[in-house]
Amino acid sequence: MRPKRIKMGKDDEVNYEEEVAVLKAALDDKNEEIEAMEDKAANDHKKQEERILSLKLMKEKLEDKANKLEDKANNDKTEINNLKRKLREQVKGKTIVKQLKEKIECPVCMEIPQTGPVPVCPNGHFVCSECKADACPTCRVGMGDGKSLLAVTVIENIDHRCRFVDCEEFFPHDKIKKHVKVCGHRTVSCPSSKCNVKVGLSKLLAHLNNGDCSYDYPVTIEKASLIEKVSAVKTLNFTTSEKGRTGKSAFYKLSTFTFEDISFCIYIEKRDWLYQFSIVMFASEDECSKYKIEMTVHERDATSDDSEVSFKLRGKPCSIDVDKKEFHGLKIDGKGMEQILSKSRNFAFSVSFSIRKIPNYQLKNSTTLLITM
């Protein structure tokens, strides 16, 4: 049986097409929604993969950092152990050195010898060469002629403290002698001809200025040139007593001064009718060789250039390390000085001087003495 064909009117056809169009639009919307959801899911998946990759990289970095920290900790631990071992060795070494020092310390002067040979008695007791006597100071047996090679080996491989009281520095065996010669606390003799005191160089000025060896506190002499280390000319005045003038000897106090942070003094003495004028520098002979002085003895009431009679010296200052009996300087006989003293009512005279530090390129070992009248 054939189905019956239903006739649709124009209105029905219009409605059907509209419904189809609505359904298609709804279907398109769903498709777009599905595509959007698929795109979102794809993006979320990509982000998740990137996040996972980032976390993996972070994990690798953290693991690498942790490994490095662990390696560093192991290295630090090894270094600490090595330092502890070295410290133990040093403490042990210092203990051994201390014990060796105690063994070779002279029982008389309580000093450790700084040079060999080191005398040793038959029983193995040491004593320094300066304190050696016929009998051992420890066991009283005869010393004999024994020498200790072991003690010399110890001496050559330990640091020695400077022997001067106020110096606390230590030096190896091969440098201690050089230091002793220039130590700022080394023992020197007071340069005054009337004083026999020996004092540390660092305390020499205090000794001079607090006693009767010098006139007053040091005078600071300024530089005469901004370029060269040359002092301005300084003039000091002195008087001579009648007894000093007519006698064969006379005593003059020292006059102290400083230039470029170095101390000096004017030394004047009359002995056996001969006057001596010296500038003494409180430094080693080597340091004195780097300076030149110019000194003029002249009339009190005239400059060194205008004085009718004057005596001049150009040379190097004396070192405080030299025996005062060996000070070099300007020497004037009694007749020469009398020509200057007679010009003044109170037998006065003046000493004018200047000091110059020689540039390194001009250093020479020469001394010139010039006397003019």
Foldseek 3Di string as FASTA:
>chain_A
DDDDDDDDDPVRVVVVVVVVVVVVVVVVVVVVVVVVVVVVVVVVVVVVVVVVVVVVVVVVVVVVVVVVVVVVVVVVVVVVVVVVVVVVVVVVVVVVLVVLQVQQQAPPVRFRDLADFWFAAPVGHTHRPVPDDQARPPPRHGRPRDTDPVSRVSSQADWHAAPADVGGDTHHSVCNVVCQQFPQQHWFAQLFPVGGDIGGNVCNQVVQAVDQQADHHAAEFEAPDPVFQKTDKDKDKDFAAPCCLPDQWDGDHWHWYDGPNWIWIWHWIGHRQKIFTAIETAGGPVQQLQKKKKKKKAAPVDDSVPGPAMFMFIFTHHYSRDDSVPGDGDMDGSVSLCVRLVVDPRRMIMMIMMMGGHPPVPRDPDTDGTTDD
